[in-house]
Amino acid sequence: MNSRNLEYIRPNNLKRAKKLADNKLLSKALLKKNGIAVPELIAVIKNQADLENFNWQTLPPSFALKPNRGFGGEGICCALHA
């Protein structure tokens, strides 16, 4: 954890607010509930079986794969396909 997080974010935000901010699915649901536009959610992969059974042919021409919990862009994969 960097010094900015230790000095400002951690002590100045409620635990439940940090939990919401750190969870993309919860954040997306809250934003959508409050009328804020969010990108379409194509799928949620919860386990290895979901990944193996996902129909990759259904993806749109461009998409992003994002872990539900991440840090600073780690784990994001973007793709363009024809």
C-alpha atoms as a PDB file:
ATOM      1  CA  MET A   1       0.000   0.000   0.000  1.00  0.00           C
ATOM      2  CA  ASN A   2       1.452   3.356  -0.965  1.00  0.00           C
ATOM      3  CA  SER A   3       1.787   6.352   1.351  1.00  0.00           C
ATOM      4  CA  ARG A   4      -1.162   8.185  -0.279  1.00  0.00           C
ATOM      5  CA  ASN A   5      -3.460   5.312   0.631  1.00  0.00           C
ATOM      6  CA  LEU A   6      -2.061   5.037   4.148  1.00  0.00           C
ATOM      7  CA  GLU A   7      -2.238   8.762   4.869  1.00  0.00           C
ATOM      8  CA  TYR A   8      -5.447   9.836   3.124  1.00  0.00           C
ATOM      9  CA  ILE A   9      -7.656   7.078   1.796  1.00  0.00           C
ATOM     10  CA  ARG A  10      -7.536   4.586   4.641  1.00  0.00           C
ATOM     11  CA  PRO A  11      -8.163   6.970   7.581  1.00  0.00           C
ATOM     12  CA  ASN A  12     -10.641   9.271   5.795  1.00  0.00           C
ATOM     13  CA  ASN A  13     -13.092   6.762   4.331  1.00  0.00           C
ATOM     14  CA  LEU A  14     -15.590   4.475   5.978  1.00  0.00           C
ATOM     15  CA  LYS A  15     -14.880   0.751   5.779  1.00  0.00           C
ATOM     16  CA  ARG A  16     -18.144   0.124   3.891  1.00  0.00           C
ATOM     17  CA  ALA A  17     -17.300   2.865   1.379  1.00  0.00           C
ATOM     18  CA  LYS A  18     -13.898   1.307   0.694  1.00  0.00           C
ATOM     19  CA  LYS A  19     -15.541  -2.111   0.324  1.00  0.00           C
ATOM     20  CA  LEU A  20     -17.949  -0.682  -2.255  1.00  0.00           C
ATOM     21  CA  ALA A  21     -15.222   1.158  -4.144  1.00  0.00           C
ATOM     22  CA  ASP A  22     -13.034  -1.958  -4.246  1.00  0.00           C
ATOM     23  CA  ASN A  23     -15.784  -4.167  -5.702  1.00  0.00           C
ATOM     24  CA  LYS A  24     -16.545  -3.426  -9.357  1.00  0.00           C
ATOM     25  CA  LEU A  25     -19.820  -5.379  -9.354  1.00  0.00           C
ATOM     26  CA  LEU A  26     -21.178  -3.560  -6.294  1.00  0.00           C
ATOM     27  CA  SER A  27     -20.016  -0.192  -7.653  1.00  0.00           C
ATOM     28  CA  LYS A  28     -21.604  -0.856 -11.034  1.00  0.00           C
ATOM     29  CA  ALA A  29     -24.925  -1.835  -9.438  1.00  0.00           C
ATOM     30  CA  LEU A  30     -24.985   1.308  -7.260  1.00  0.00           C
ATOM     31  CA  LEU A  31     -24.127   3.602 -10.173  1.00  0.00           C
ATOM     32  CA  LYS A  32     -26.783   2.000 -12.392  1.00  0.00           C
ATOM     33  CA  LYS A  33     -29.379   2.188  -9.601  1.00  0.00           C
ATOM     34  CA  ASN A  34     -28.739   5.925  -9.378  1.00  0.00           C
ATOM     35  CA  GLY A  35     -29.146   6.538 -13.093  1.00  0.00           C
ATOM     36  CA  ILE A  36     -25.459   6.796 -13.957  1.00  0.00           C
ATOM     37  CA  ALA A  37     -24.545   5.158 -17.261  1.00  0.00           C
ATOM     38  CA  VAL A  38     -22.233   2.168 -16.988  1.00  0.00           C
ATOM     39  CA  PRO A  39     -20.840  -0.180 -19.644  1.00  0.00           C
ATOM     40  CA  GLU A  40     -22.815  -3.331 -20.370  1.00  0.00           C
ATOM     41  CA  LEU A  41     -21.906  -6.316 -18.225  1.00  0.00           C
ATOM     42  CA  ILE A  42     -21.468  -9.279 -20.543  1.00  0.00           C
ATOM     43  CA  ALA A  43     -20.766 -12.006 -17.997  1.00  0.00           C
ATOM     44  CA  VAL A  44     -19.535 -12.747 -14.513  1.00  0.00           C
ATOM     45  CA  ILE A  45     -17.074 -15.604 -14.305  1.00  0.00           C
ATOM     46  CA  LYS A  46     -17.120 -16.960 -10.766  1.00  0.00           C
ATOM     47  CA  ASN A  47     -15.115 -20.140 -11.137  1.00  0.00           C
ATOM     48  CA  GLN A  48     -13.143 -22.359 -13.499  1.00  0.00           C
ATOM     49  CA  ALA A  49     -16.300 -24.086 -14.782  1.00  0.00           C
ATOM     50  CA  ASP A  50     -17.861 -20.719 -15.735  1.00  0.00           C
ATOM     51  CA  LEU A  51     -14.695 -19.855 -17.642  1.00  0.00           C
ATOM     52  CA  GLU A  52     -14.572 -23.188 -19.452  1.00  0.00           C
ATOM     53  CA  ASN A  53     -18.275 -23.004 -20.375  1.00  0.00           C
ATOM     54  CA  PHE A  54     -18.279 -19.384 -21.524  1.00  0.00           C
ATOM     55  CA  ASN A  55     -19.188 -18.940 -25.198  1.00  0.00           C
ATOM     56  CA  TRP A  56     -16.372 -16.689 -26.401  1.00  0.00           C
ATOM     57  CA  GLN A  57     -18.108 -16.311 -29.783  1.00  0.00           C
ATOM     58  CA  THR A  58     -20.774 -14.110 -28.139  1.00  0.00           C
ATOM     59  CA  LEU A  59     -18.351 -11.295 -27.331  1.00  0.00           C
ATOM     60  CA  PRO A  60     -18.825  -7.932 -29.076  1.00  0.00           C
ATOM     61  CA  PRO A  61     -16.116  -6.537 -31.392  1.00  0.00           C
ATOM     62  CA  SER A  62     -14.379  -4.826 -28.469  1.00  0.00           C
ATOM     63  CA  PHE A  63     -14.503  -5.677 -24.799  1.00  0.00           C
ATOM     64  CA  ALA A  64     -12.516  -5.586 -21.575  1.00  0.00           C
ATOM     65  CA  LEU A  65     -11.926  -8.424 -19.141  1.00  0.00           C
ATOM     66  CA  LYS A  66     -11.608  -7.057 -15.629  1.00  0.00           C
ATOM     67  CA  PRO A  67     -11.137  -8.771 -12.297  1.00  0.00           C
ATOM     68  CA  ASN A  68     -13.835  -7.819  -9.798  1.00  0.00           C
ATOM     69  CA  ARG A  69     -11.161  -6.708  -7.400  1.00  0.00           C
ATOM     70  CA  GLY A  70      -8.077  -5.077  -8.765  1.00  0.00           C
ATOM     71  CA  PHE A  71      -5.499  -2.468  -8.061  1.00  0.00           C
ATOM     72  CA  GLY A  72      -4.386   0.235 -10.414  1.00  0.00           C
ATOM     73  CA  GLY A  73      -5.355  -1.550 -13.607  1.00  0.00           C
ATOM     74  CA  GLU A  74      -3.718  -4.872 -12.766  1.00  0.00           C
ATOM     75  CA  GLY A  75      -5.457  -7.805 -14.399  1.00  0.00           C
ATOM     76  CA  ILE A  76      -7.348  -5.843 -17.057  1.00  0.00           C
ATOM     77  CA  CYS A  77      -7.235  -7.322 -20.537  1.00  0.00           C
ATOM     78  CA  CYS A  78      -8.729  -5.482 -23.498  1.00  0.00           C
ATOM     79  CA  ALA A  79      -9.387  -7.045 -26.859  1.00  0.00           C
ATOM     80  CA  LEU A  80     -10.528  -6.140 -30.326  1.00  0.00           C
ATOM     81  CA  HIS A  81     -11.594  -8.907 -32.649  1.00  0.00           C
ATOM     82  CA  ALA A  82     -13.157  -9.040 -36.074  1.00  0.00           C
END
